[in-house]
Amino acid sequence: MELEIKQNILNKALNIVSRVAGGGGALSGPYLPILNNILIRVKDKKVSLTATNLEIAVVEYVEAEKLTEGEITVPAKLLTDFVGNLPKDENVKIIKNENKVVVKAGRYSSTLNTMNSEDFPELPEIDEDKAIKFIMGVEQLKEAIGSVIIACSNNTTRPVLTGVCFNTFQGDLYLVATDGYRLAEKKFIKDIKSELKAVVPANSLQEVLRSLSDDVDEVEILINEAQARFRIGEIEITSKLIDGSYVDYRGLIPKENKINARIERLEMQRVVKLAASFAKTTGGAINCETKADEGVLTVAAVANEMGENNSEIEVDVEESAKITINSKFLLDVLNVLGGDEVLFSFSDKIAPLVIKDAEKDDYVYIVMPQYG
């Protein structure tokens, strides 16, 4: 096998696929040394670079010259580091020589040991005729995933909560994530004919977000009963789905609230950040209180050893009430919402807080209050 490829093209591809090399995925099986390697394959005048951790696989197709068919596996980190330090205007030659591979660029040369490419895991195929297929813009996908993935759990004892649930309801497709303390739901696509309920690991979706680029306008998504594939230009990211029944969450979202305040998002973000600085010794807990007679929302935190913080925002509310909330959970949603104003709604200190974009009705974020 032999090929010649421009350094900038190879370097970009290696940086994308090598991120998943090494094994250790949350859903993967036993660790395999060959998972530290990238599979480089030349077939039908196409060059593909593949890495997998058995939970997620990334394939990128690149343009190259002087192709001779064949395949090799090479250490991902070593090859990525070597190519990344080469001059950008060099052409890189990759030549297979028995159980080694020679990588050359001008006066630079390295010889890397390989492993048998037959031991590299076979990637599962998705039958496109039987899978559910969506095509959407990059910005639409980025906004949808980014707005819900913040609520995914890191607790692997409940694997189903470590992913984002793609689910249909009344003809529309929604994305939802929850860690048991908060929940984020985004209406993703309207008027879906197929029924779908699939949980995609958050780690896989993070990889999708990292692989999005300005030179790609659309993303194709295929989902079947076992896996999801995201095609981003010449990149294909395939992920296992998480087994298990997702929580029946819609009943958890309050239909009405006594307190409904329309607040400038950046101002809310500012006062929550100020309070969060004082809340580090109290588990991030801050107090939010509406004062109807004064027409303000106060955001306060007390740090017994350092002092206290109290800020006010002018709001139009008809009732007074107080709720204690984790400041990080509030900042997470304020950071991902793009609108100028948010709706801040709750009923009392034991009811969930609801955050929405004031100008849109396709997103809802709820947070359970803290007690004590």
Protein backbone atom coordinates (compact mmCIF):
# COMPACT_ATOMS: atom_id res chain seq x y z
CA MET A 1 0.00 0.00 0.00
CA GLU A 2 1.22 3.49 -0.86
CA LEU A 3 -0.23 6.97 -0.99
CA GLU A 4 0.81 10.62 -1.08
CA ILE A 5 -1.26 13.33 0.59
CA LYS A 6 -0.90 17.00 1.51
CA GLN A 7 0.15 17.63 5.11
CA ASN A 8 -2.72 19.97 5.95
CA ILE A 9 -5.34 17.50 4.70
CA LEU A 10 -3.81 14.55 6.54
CA ASN A 11 -3.21 16.54 9.72
CA LYS A 12 -6.84 17.71 9.88
CA ALA A 13 -8.18 14.18 9.31
CA LEU A 14 -5.86 12.63 11.90
CA ASN A 15 -6.86 15.16 14.54
CA ILE A 16 -10.52 14.28 14.02
CA VAL A 17 -10.34 10.48 13.94
CA SER A 18 -7.60 10.03 16.54
CA ARG A 19 -9.78 11.55 19.28
CA VAL A 20 -11.70 8.29 19.67
CA ALA A 21 -8.71 5.95 19.40
CA GLY A 22 -7.61 4.13 22.53
CA GLY A 23 -10.72 2.29 23.68
CA GLY A 24 -12.37 2.79 27.02
CA GLY A 25 -15.78 3.92 25.83
CA ALA A 26 -18.45 3.78 28.51
CA LEU A 27 -20.41 1.19 26.54
CA SER A 28 -17.45 -0.70 25.09
CA GLY A 29 -16.27 -4.16 25.97
CA PRO A 30 -12.76 -5.31 26.93
CA TYR A 31 -9.84 -3.07 26.07
CA LEU A 32 -8.05 -4.08 22.86
CA PRO A 33 -4.54 -2.77 22.05
CA ILE A 34 -5.39 -2.36 18.37
CA LEU A 35 -7.93 0.31 19.34
CA ASN A 36 -4.91 2.59 19.90
CA ASN A 37 -4.37 2.45 16.13
CA ILE A 38 -5.90 4.16 13.12
CA LEU A 39 -6.88 2.02 10.15
CA ILE A 40 -5.74 3.56 6.86
CA ARG A 41 -7.35 1.90 3.84
CA VAL A 42 -6.90 2.57 0.13
CA LYS A 43 -9.70 1.03 -1.92
CA ASP A 44 -11.43 1.97 -5.16
CA LYS A 45 -9.19 5.05 -5.45
CA LYS A 46 -10.44 6.33 -2.08
CA VAL A 47 -8.49 6.77 1.15
CA SER A 48 -10.24 6.33 4.49
CA LEU A 49 -8.95 6.86 8.01
CA THR A 50 -10.84 5.02 10.76
CA ALA A 51 -10.67 4.91 14.55
CA THR A 52 -13.01 3.36 17.09
CA ASN A 53 -13.38 2.70 20.81
CA LEU A 54 -16.17 0.14 20.18
CA GLU A 55 -18.77 2.66 21.37
CA ILE A 56 -18.17 5.19 18.61
CA ALA A 57 -16.38 4.97 15.27
CA VAL A 58 -15.13 7.86 13.15
CA VAL A 59 -14.27 7.52 9.47
CA GLU A 60 -12.95 10.33 7.28
CA TYR A 61 -12.40 10.10 3.54
CA VAL A 62 -9.55 12.19 2.15
CA GLU A 63 -8.11 13.01 -1.26
CA ALA A 64 -4.67 11.59 -2.02
CA GLU A 65 -2.36 10.87 -4.96
CA LYS A 66 -0.26 7.97 -6.26
CA LEU A 67 -2.52 5.39 -4.70
CA THR A 68 -1.75 1.70 -4.35
CA GLU A 69 -4.52 -0.34 -2.73
CA GLY A 70 -4.09 -1.93 0.67
CA GLU A 71 -4.59 -1.25 4.36
CA ILE A 72 -2.54 -0.75 7.50
CA THR A 73 -3.08 0.15 11.14
CA VAL A 74 -0.70 2.63 12.75
CA PRO A 75 -0.40 4.08 16.27
CA ALA A 76 -2.85 6.99 16.33
CA LYS A 77 -1.04 9.33 18.71
CA LEU A 78 2.42 8.76 17.22
CA LEU A 79 1.28 9.35 13.64
CA THR A 80 -0.83 12.36 14.59
CA ASP A 81 2.05 13.96 16.53
CA PHE A 82 4.55 13.32 13.72
CA VAL A 83 2.35 14.68 10.92
CA GLY A 84 1.24 17.64 13.05
CA ASN A 85 4.84 18.81 13.41
CA LEU A 86 5.65 18.61 9.69
CA PRO A 87 5.80 21.76 7.51
CA LYS A 88 2.35 22.59 6.16
CA ASP A 89 3.51 22.85 2.55
CA GLU A 90 4.96 19.31 2.45
CA ASN A 91 3.45 16.27 0.76
CA VAL A 92 3.38 13.24 3.05
CA LYS A 93 4.14 9.78 1.66
CA ILE A 94 2.87 6.69 3.49
CA ILE A 95 4.36 3.41 2.36
CA LYS A 96 3.65 -0.02 3.79
CA ASN A 97 6.72 -2.22 4.13
CA GLU A 98 5.82 -5.67 5.50
CA ASN A 99 4.89 -5.13 9.17
CA LYS A 100 6.07 -1.52 9.26
CA VAL A 101 5.02 1.73 7.63
CA VAL A 102 7.34 4.49 6.45
CA VAL A 103 6.06 8.05 6.65
CA LYS A 104 8.08 10.61 4.69
CA ALA A 105 7.82 14.34 4.01
CA GLY A 106 10.79 16.03 2.36
CA ARG A 107 13.78 15.46 4.63
CA TYR A 108 11.63 14.12 7.46
CA SER A 109 11.06 10.40 7.86
CA SER A 110 9.68 8.01 10.46
CA THR A 111 9.15 4.27 10.56
CA LEU A 112 6.22 3.03 12.62
CA ASN A 113 5.34 -0.47 13.74
CA THR A 114 1.94 -1.71 12.63
CA MET A 115 -0.56 -4.27 13.85
CA ASN A 116 -2.45 -6.74 11.69
CA SER A 117 -5.28 -4.83 10.03
CA GLU A 118 -7.41 -7.98 10.09
CA ASP A 119 -7.61 -7.58 13.88
CA PHE A 120 -9.18 -4.13 13.55
CA PRO A 121 -12.87 -4.30 14.53
CA GLU A 122 -15.34 -4.47 11.66
CA LEU A 123 -17.61 -1.45 11.65
CA PRO A 124 -21.34 -2.20 11.72
CA GLU A 125 -23.33 -1.32 8.62
CA ILE A 126 -26.58 0.64 8.63
CA ASP A 127 -29.21 -0.35 6.09
CA GLU A 128 -30.21 3.06 4.77
CA ASP A 129 -33.49 1.72 3.39
CA LYS A 130 -34.63 0.57 6.84
CA ALA A 131 -33.15 3.36 8.97
CA ILE A 132 -34.88 6.64 9.84
CA LYS A 133 -33.16 9.46 7.98
CA PHE A 134 -32.96 13.21 8.61
CA ILE A 135 -31.06 15.95 6.82
CA MET A 136 -30.63 19.32 8.51
CA GLY A 137 -28.44 22.39 8.65
CA VAL A 138 -25.29 22.44 10.74
CA GLU A 139 -26.45 25.40 12.85
CA GLN A 140 -29.79 23.74 13.57
CA LEU A 141 -28.05 20.58 14.77
CA LYS A 142 -25.47 22.50 16.80
CA GLU A 143 -28.13 24.55 18.58
CA ALA A 144 -30.35 21.55 19.32
CA ILE A 145 -27.64 19.29 20.72
CA GLY A 146 -25.91 22.09 22.61
CA SER A 147 -29.10 23.17 24.35
CA VAL A 148 -29.96 19.73 25.79
CA ILE A 149 -26.62 17.97 26.31
CA ILE A 150 -25.94 20.22 29.30
CA ALA A 151 -28.53 18.21 31.27
CA CYS A 152 -27.01 14.76 30.62
CA SER A 153 -25.85 12.76 33.61
CA ASN A 154 -22.26 11.65 34.24
CA ASN A 155 -23.39 8.80 36.49
CA THR A 156 -22.78 5.56 34.61
CA THR A 157 -24.84 3.55 37.12
CA ARG A 158 -27.85 4.83 35.14
CA PRO A 159 -26.50 4.61 31.58
CA VAL A 160 -29.71 5.73 29.88
CA LEU A 161 -29.38 9.16 31.53
CA THR A 162 -25.87 9.65 30.07
CA GLY A 163 -27.35 10.17 26.62
CA VAL A 164 -29.78 12.34 24.69
CA CYS A 165 -33.14 10.78 23.87
CA PHE A 166 -34.43 11.34 20.32
CA ASN A 167 -38.18 10.81 20.62
CA THR A 168 -41.32 11.58 18.67
CA PHE A 169 -44.45 13.07 20.22
CA GLN A 170 -47.62 14.12 18.41
CA GLY A 171 -45.83 14.05 15.06
CA ASP A 172 -42.73 16.08 16.05
CA LEU A 173 -39.22 14.95 16.95
CA TYR A 174 -37.76 16.12 20.27
CA LEU A 175 -34.37 15.88 21.93
CA VAL A 176 -34.34 15.54 25.71
CA ALA A 177 -31.75 15.00 28.42
CA THR A 178 -31.97 14.77 32.21
CA ASP A 179 -29.70 13.90 35.11
CA GLY A 180 -32.52 13.63 37.64
CA TYR A 181 -31.98 17.18 38.95
CA ARG A 182 -32.71 19.10 35.76
CA LEU A 183 -34.19 18.44 32.36
CA ALA A 184 -33.83 20.07 28.93
CA GLU A 185 -36.14 19.45 25.99
CA LYS A 186 -35.84 20.86 22.46
CA LYS A 187 -38.29 20.47 19.59
CA PHE A 188 -35.94 19.28 16.86
CA ILE A 189 -37.93 18.58 13.68
CA LYS A 190 -41.59 19.17 12.97
CA ASP A 191 -43.96 16.78 11.16
CA ILE A 192 -42.14 13.46 11.44
CA LYS A 193 -43.90 10.48 9.89
CA SER A 194 -41.86 7.76 11.63
CA GLU A 195 -42.02 6.85 15.31
CA LEU A 196 -38.68 7.00 17.06
CA LYS A 197 -37.21 6.58 20.54
CA ALA A 198 -33.43 6.26 20.64
CA VAL A 199 -30.85 7.31 23.22
CA VAL A 200 -27.53 8.50 21.76
CA PRO A 201 -24.55 8.72 24.17
CA ALA A 202 -23.58 12.27 25.08
CA ASN A 203 -19.93 11.46 24.34
CA SER A 204 -20.84 10.57 20.78
CA LEU A 205 -22.81 13.78 20.32
CA GLN A 206 -19.89 15.78 21.71
CA GLU A 207 -17.75 14.20 19.02
CA VAL A 208 -20.31 15.23 16.41
CA LEU A 209 -20.19 18.83 17.67
CA ARG A 210 -16.39 18.86 17.57
CA SER A 211 -16.41 17.58 13.98
CA LEU A 212 -18.73 20.26 12.60
CA SER A 213 -16.93 22.77 10.40
CA ASP A 214 -17.69 25.95 8.48
CA ASP A 215 -17.22 24.27 5.09
CA VAL A 216 -20.18 21.90 5.64
CA ASP A 217 -23.77 23.13 5.39
CA GLU A 218 -25.80 19.99 6.13
CA VAL A 219 -25.64 16.88 8.28
CA GLU A 220 -27.29 13.57 7.48
CA ILE A 221 -28.51 11.47 10.41
CA LEU A 222 -29.45 7.80 10.15
CA ILE A 223 -30.88 5.95 13.14
CA ASN A 224 -31.89 2.29 13.38
CA GLU A 225 -32.65 0.04 16.34
CA ALA A 226 -29.02 -0.27 17.43
CA GLN A 227 -27.01 2.71 16.26
CA ALA A 228 -26.94 6.23 14.86
CA ARG A 229 -24.74 7.61 12.08
CA PHE A 230 -23.94 11.26 11.47
CA ARG A 231 -22.49 12.12 8.05
CA ILE A 232 -20.73 15.50 8.04
CA GLY A 233 -19.23 16.08 4.60
CA GLU A 234 -16.53 13.42 4.26
CA ILE A 235 -16.76 12.42 7.93
CA GLU A 236 -18.94 9.59 9.22
CA ILE A 237 -19.51 9.18 12.96
CA THR A 238 -21.30 5.99 13.99
CA SER A 239 -22.41 5.42 17.57
CA LYS A 240 -24.05 2.63 19.50
CA LEU A 241 -27.36 3.51 21.08
CA ILE A 242 -27.85 3.10 24.83
CA ASP A 243 -30.13 0.24 25.83
CA GLY A 244 -32.86 0.88 28.36
CA SER A 245 -36.19 2.58 28.83
CA TYR A 246 -36.04 6.36 29.02
CA VAL A 247 -37.93 8.10 31.79
CA ASP A 248 -41.49 9.22 31.00
CA TYR A 249 -40.58 12.83 31.54
CA ARG A 250 -43.38 14.94 30.08
CA GLY A 251 -45.45 14.78 33.26
CA LEU A 252 -42.53 16.41 35.10
CA ILE A 253 -42.81 19.68 33.18
CA PRO A 254 -45.13 22.13 34.99
CA LYS A 255 -48.05 23.32 32.86
CA GLU A 256 -48.57 26.55 34.85
CA ASN A 257 -46.61 28.66 37.33
CA LYS A 258 -47.58 31.45 39.74
CA ILE A 259 -44.44 33.48 39.07
CA ASN A 260 -43.66 34.39 35.44
CA ALA A 261 -40.90 36.95 35.01
CA ARG A 262 -39.50 38.16 31.70
CA ILE A 263 -35.80 38.94 32.25
CA GLU A 264 -32.93 40.15 30.08
CA ARG A 265 -30.74 37.09 29.64
CA LEU A 266 -27.35 38.78 29.91
CA GLU A 267 -28.39 40.65 33.06
CA MET A 268 -29.61 37.42 34.63
CA GLN A 269 -26.37 35.74 33.62
CA ARG A 270 -24.38 38.54 35.27
CA VAL A 271 -26.14 38.45 38.63
CA VAL A 272 -26.05 34.63 38.78
CA LYS A 273 -22.29 34.69 38.13
CA LEU A 274 -21.85 37.20 40.96
CA ALA A 275 -23.87 35.07 43.34
CA ALA A 276 -22.11 31.89 42.25
CA SER A 277 -18.78 33.32 43.42
CA PHE A 278 -20.16 33.43 46.96
CA ALA A 279 -21.97 30.07 46.71
CA LYS A 280 -18.94 27.82 46.32
CA THR A 281 -19.01 26.76 49.97
CA THR A 282 -22.74 26.01 49.88
CA GLY A 283 -22.78 23.59 46.96
CA GLY A 284 -23.57 26.36 44.49
CA ALA A 285 -26.93 27.19 46.09
CA ILE A 286 -28.30 30.68 45.42
CA ASN A 287 -31.61 32.23 46.49
CA CYS A 288 -33.92 33.76 43.89
CA GLU A 289 -36.81 35.80 45.28
CA THR A 290 -39.50 37.89 43.61
CA LYS A 291 -40.79 40.93 45.52
CA ALA A 292 -44.04 42.03 43.93
CA ASP A 293 -44.36 45.25 45.98
CA GLU A 294 -40.88 46.40 44.90
CA GLY A 295 -41.03 45.01 41.34
CA VAL A 296 -37.69 43.19 41.62
CA LEU A 297 -36.12 39.75 41.50
CA THR A 298 -33.27 39.39 43.99
CA VAL A 299 -30.48 36.89 43.49
CA ALA A 300 -28.44 36.28 46.62
CA ALA A 301 -25.83 33.98 48.12
CA VAL A 302 -24.25 33.78 51.55
CA ALA A 303 -20.77 32.48 52.25
CA ASN A 304 -20.39 32.40 56.02
CA GLU A 305 -16.61 32.69 55.93
CA MET A 306 -16.36 35.31 53.17
CA GLY A 307 -19.50 37.44 53.17
CA GLU A 308 -22.65 37.72 51.11
CA ASN A 309 -23.89 38.92 47.75
CA ASN A 310 -27.25 40.41 46.76
CA SER A 311 -28.31 41.75 43.36
CA GLU A 312 -31.62 43.03 42.05
CA ILE A 313 -33.26 42.93 38.63
CA GLU A 314 -36.38 44.92 37.81
CA VAL A 315 -39.24 42.57 36.87
CA ASP A 316 -42.99 42.74 36.43
CA VAL A 317 -44.49 40.13 38.77
CA GLU A 318 -47.78 39.92 40.65
CA GLU A 319 -46.72 37.59 43.48
CA SER A 320 -43.80 37.22 45.86
CA ALA A 321 -42.03 33.88 46.21
CA LYS A 322 -38.61 32.40 46.85
CA ILE A 323 -36.67 29.45 45.46
CA THR A 324 -33.16 28.06 46.04
CA ILE A 325 -31.37 26.85 42.90
CA ASN A 326 -27.97 25.43 41.93
CA SER A 327 -26.13 28.33 40.28
CA LYS A 328 -24.27 26.07 37.85
CA PHE A 329 -27.52 24.65 36.52
CA LEU A 330 -28.79 28.18 35.91
CA LEU A 331 -25.61 29.36 34.22
CA ASP A 332 -25.53 26.31 31.95
CA VAL A 333 -28.86 27.22 30.36
CA LEU A 334 -28.21 30.97 30.28
CA ASN A 335 -24.98 30.25 28.37
CA VAL A 336 -26.65 28.17 25.64
CA LEU A 337 -29.81 30.21 25.04
CA GLY A 338 -29.32 32.74 22.28
CA GLY A 339 -32.31 35.05 22.80
CA ASP A 340 -32.23 38.48 24.42
CA GLU A 341 -34.77 37.59 27.10
CA VAL A 342 -35.74 34.51 29.12
CA LEU A 343 -38.91 33.53 30.92
CA PHE A 344 -38.18 32.69 34.56
CA SER A 345 -41.11 30.76 36.07
CA PHE A 346 -41.85 28.91 39.32
CA SER A 347 -44.62 28.50 41.89
CA ASP A 348 -42.97 28.01 45.29
CA LYS A 349 -39.80 26.80 46.97
CA ILE A 350 -40.56 23.10 46.40
CA ALA A 351 -41.72 23.33 42.76
CA PRO A 352 -39.37 23.17 39.75
CA LEU A 353 -37.96 26.32 38.18
CA VAL A 354 -38.75 26.62 34.45
CA ILE A 355 -36.55 28.54 32.01
CA LYS A 356 -37.58 29.27 28.41
CA ASP A 357 -36.50 31.53 25.58
CA ALA A 358 -38.94 34.45 25.73
CA GLU A 359 -39.21 34.62 21.93
CA LYS A 360 -39.51 30.90 21.13
CA ASP A 361 -41.70 28.04 22.29
CA ASP A 362 -39.51 25.13 21.16
CA TYR A 363 -37.33 24.77 24.26
CA VAL A 364 -37.90 24.19 27.96
CA TYR A 365 -35.42 23.72 30.81
CA ILE A 366 -36.50 22.76 34.32
CA VAL A 367 -34.45 22.61 37.52
CA MET A 368 -35.40 21.03 40.79
CA PRO A 369 -34.91 23.37 43.77
CA GLN A 370 -32.35 22.79 46.50
CA TYR A 371 -33.48 22.48 50.09
CA GLY A 372 -31.94 23.32 53.40
